[in-house]
Amino acid sequence: MASIESTELQRIYESRFNYTDDIEFSRTEPEKPAERIPADEALPPKLADKLPFDPYTHQADGLNLLSEGKNVTVSTATASGKTLIYALDIARRYVDNPDVTGLFVYPMRALTRNQFDNISDLLKNTLGLDIDIGVYDGDTSSERKKEIRANSNVVLTNFAGINHYLSHHQKWARIYQNLDLIVIDESHQYGGIHGMHVAWILRRLKRIVRKYGGDPQYVLTTATIGNPIDHARQLTGEDAELVNNDGSEQGERDIIFWNPPFEPQAGPDPDDSDTGASTSFVSNELTSILANEGIQTLLFTDSRTMTEVGLKRVKSLSKAGVSVQSYHAGHGQETRRKTERGLRDGDIEAVISTSALELGIDVGGLDATVLAGYPGTRQSFWQRIGRAGRGTDRSMSILVADYTGLDQYIIRNPEYIFEESVENAVIDLENNKVYAQHILCAANESPLTWEDADDFGGEERLEQVTEMWKTAGLLTGTLDTGVQYTRNGRPESDVDLYTTGGDEAFEVRVENGDIDHEPIERTRAYRDFHEGAVVLHNGLEYVVEELNEDTVKPYVLLSQQQNVTYYTRTQRDVQVNNLESVESIDLGDFIVHRGNAEVVTHFATYEERRIKDNARLGRYPTENPPLTMQTHVMWVEPTAEVGREMLREFAEPESIEELGTEDSPFALDAHEEGVHQMPTAVETDIVLGGLHAAEHAMIGAAPLTMMMDKRDLGGLSSINHPETMSALGLFIYDGVPGGVGFAHSIYDRLQLLSETTKELIDGCKCGEVTGCPACSMDENCGDDNEPLHNPAAVWFLTRLQNALAERSSEAESQPSETAA
C-alpha cells in the first residue's frame, strides 16, 4: 500500500480540519507467514497435480475431516480461503462420482454470483473438470432453472429460495438423490429470528432429501464467534467438527481507534454545517485523506442514507482524478459488479458501503478500511477490517467511535476487541409462532408422521402443533398415518424469514408515485411509521401522512419532502405482566428468573428534534393503540433490604430521618407489611433511578456478550411491581412475539453482563449522576430518561455481580458426584 503512519494521518487531519488529537488507541498486528500442507496429503493425485499451490493448514484439516465423513464448521479470518475447502471437496467427490451433487447456500445474491465466478474458475479452468455449476435464485430464468435441475452438479442458492423450492421437491429428485454436500456460507449471519427460520428450513430440507435417499455432509463457514460448534448444531441439527487452525498469511495491520470530541469546533469553513466532529463526518474526512494519498480505502457506514451522504462528502473533499463510489443493496446488480471490478483492478480509490461488502465478495485486498461506528460485534469488526490487506502487504484500519455506550466502552477498553472469547450467535427454536409456520410447510411438502418428531421438536410438541392446525382446519389426518395440509395455497408464501409472522404486514405507499419498500411489521409501523414520522429511504425524505388499519390490506402512506430540518423518534411505555418463571436462581439478596411474560408496549408519543442541534421542537401523540405480546423475559428481583441499603448509601440523611418513620414510612417497608403505598420521591430518585440506569445500560451492553442489536430487546424497571416479592424488579425482554432467545441468554450470561455494564457506566467520562447517551440514557425511553442514578446503578450491579460470582465459586468448589 501507499504508506502512511497513524501520526502522519493525525497531523494531516489536524492541519486540514483544525481538530485536536483524537487517536485514543493504536496497535500494529504483526505479520504472520502462511502455513501450508502438500496438496497430495489432502487431495487425490488427479487434483493435487493440477492445483498450482499447496493448501493452507486449515484447508487441509477441513478436507481431511470431510474425507472421514465428518461435518465441519470453519472459523478462520476474512479472505483466508474458506471457500476452497468445500470447492475442492466437491471436486474430489466429482472425480469419484460424476453424478454427485452439492447445494451451496449464501446469504446474499451478490455474494452468490461472486462465488459462482470463483468456484467455476477453480473447478473448470484450474482443475479442468467438466462439472456443471448453476446459480438458482430469483434472477434465474425459468428455462435456466430447468437446465440446472436436469444437469447441474453444484447449485448455488439462498434460503429464501429453498423455503419455496421444497414444495416442488419432485422436480429436484435427481439433485436430492445424489446430494453429498450442503454448504452454509457465512453461517454466523443466521441468528435471532432469521436463524430460527433457517434452522427449520434446514430440517425441512433434510427430511425431504432423506426421502430421496440422500445423506449429505455439511460444511459451515463462519466469522469468529464464541460458540461455533453449538451454533452449527442449532442450525443444522447435526454435530460438526471445528476447523480454526488458520494457516493463511497476513501482513502487518495498523489498528487505530479514533474518538471525535463530540462538541462543536471550528472547521475550515465556518458556514459549512458539515464541519462538526460527528462520527460520519470524521469518517468521511479520514477516507478522503487516505484516498488523496493514493491509499485504496473502504468506508463502512450503518445505512444506505449515510452511504449516499458519505459519497457526496468524500467526493467534495477529494482531489481531481480520485474516483469515489458508493455500494449498497439499493444499487442494481450491474452497478455493484462494476464497483467490485473497479476495486479489484485498482481503478477506484474509495468506496463508501453498507454492510453489503462485509461478506466475502471478492474486491481484492484493499489498503485501508474505515468504520463509521462500532458495528456491534467483534466478528463484524474483524470481518470489516479484514477487507484490507493483500497477502503480506501492510494495511490500516480505523474505527471512528460514536457517542454511544457500546462505542465508548470499546474506546475505553480496547483490549476487549483482542480477547479470544467473542460473542455467541443465538438461535432459539422455542418460538412457537415460527415453529408452527414451518410445520404447515412441512405437511404441505410431505405428510407428517411420528418418524418426523426428532426433526421437529419431539413427539409432544409435534402432536400439539398438528392438533392446533387441525382444529383451525389447515391440517387433516393423524401422525400414525400422515398429517396433510388441506388448503390449495402455499403456506411457504406466508413465511417471512425476518419476522415471526402472525400479523398482516403493512404496505408502504407514497402519494403520487411509487416506492420500492418491503412491507413492515405492525410493531415497526407503530414505532417508525406513525402519522407525522419522518422516514428516510434510499436517500429520500418522506413524512408519514396516514397509517390505516381499517382496510383489507393495512398500509402507511408517505409524502416525499425536501430539506426536512427535523427528525422524529417515538417514546414507549411498557408494562410487564403475568410473569411465568421457568427457571430461577436464589442469591439471597436477589432472585434471578428466566421465563415468559405478557408485555404491553405503547408507542404513545413522538418527538420532533432539530437535526442541527438535537433540540426538541415538540412532543405529540401517535394515536396508536398499545401492542400486547407474549415473549421471553429475564428479570432480577432485589429484596427490600437491598433497596433500603441503596437509600442509606445515597440518600441525604435528613431524607432517611424524615421519611423512614412510622408516620411516613418508605413504600419498601409498607410493601413488606402488605400495604400498598406509592413510592416516595427519594425512593423514586435513588432506587428506581439506579434500577432504571442499570436496565438501560445492560440492554446497551448486551451486544458485547452476544450477537444481536440492542433494538431486539426491551426493558422495564419498577419499585412498585405487583408481581415481584419486594415490589422491586429489573426486567429485560425479547422485543419479538414468542421470544427469540436473547433474554434467556442474558440470564445465562448475567454475571459477565453485570460486570461489563458496571464498567460501561463507571468508566463514562460524563461523570453525571443522571448519565448521558454514552452510558445510561436511551433515546427511546418513554420516561424521558427520568429518573436515572448512575452511582446507585453501579452499586446495584456490583452487589449483583458479587452475588453471582460467589454462587459460581461455591458451585466450582462443590465435590463432583462419583458413582458408588
Foldseek 3Di string as FASTA:
>chain_A
DLDDDPVRLQVVCCVAWVADDFFLDKDKDAWDAFAFDQQVLQAPPLQSVLDPDTAGPLLSVLSVCVVVVFFEEEAEFFPLPPVVNVLRNLLRVCVVPVLAAEEEAEADPLVLVLVQVVSCCCNCVRSNDPAAEEEDEPVDDPVVVLVCLVGHRYYYYHLLVLLPCLLVCVSNLSNLLRYAEYEYEQLLVQFFLLLLLQQLSLLLVVVSSVVSPHDYHYYYYHYDAQCRQVSVCSRNVDGHHYRYPRRAIFAMEMETEGEFPQDADDTPDNVDLLSGRALLSVLLLSLQVCLQSVFQEEEEDADLQSQVVSQVNSVVSHDPQAAEEEDEPVDDSVVNVVVLVCQLVVVHRYYYYYCPVLDNRRSAAGAEYEYSADPLWLSSVSSRRSSHGHRRDYHYYYYYHGLFQVRVLCSVCVVLSVDSRTAHRHFDNQQVLSLLLSLLQSQSSDFAAQVSQSSRPHDVSNQVSLVVVVVVVQWDDYNHVGIHGDDPDHSSVQDDSVASGDDAFAAEEEPPDGDPDDTHDPVCCLWQVFQQAWDADSNWIWGWHDFDPPDPHTYIYIYTDPDDFKGKGFAKDKDWDDDDFPDWDCLPQKIKGKDKTKMKIDSFKMWIAGPSPRHTPDMGGSPDHIDIAMFIKIKMFGQLVLLVVQCVVDPDPVVCVVQCDPVHRAQLVCVVVVHHDDGDPSSQQGVQQLLQLLLQLLLSCLSRHHPDDSVQKDWDFFCQCPPGPRRGMTMITGPGHSYGCSNVVCSVVVLVSLVSLLCSLVVDPPPDQLDDSNHRDDPRHNVNSPPHGSVSNSVVSVVVNVSVVVVVVVVVPDDDDDDD
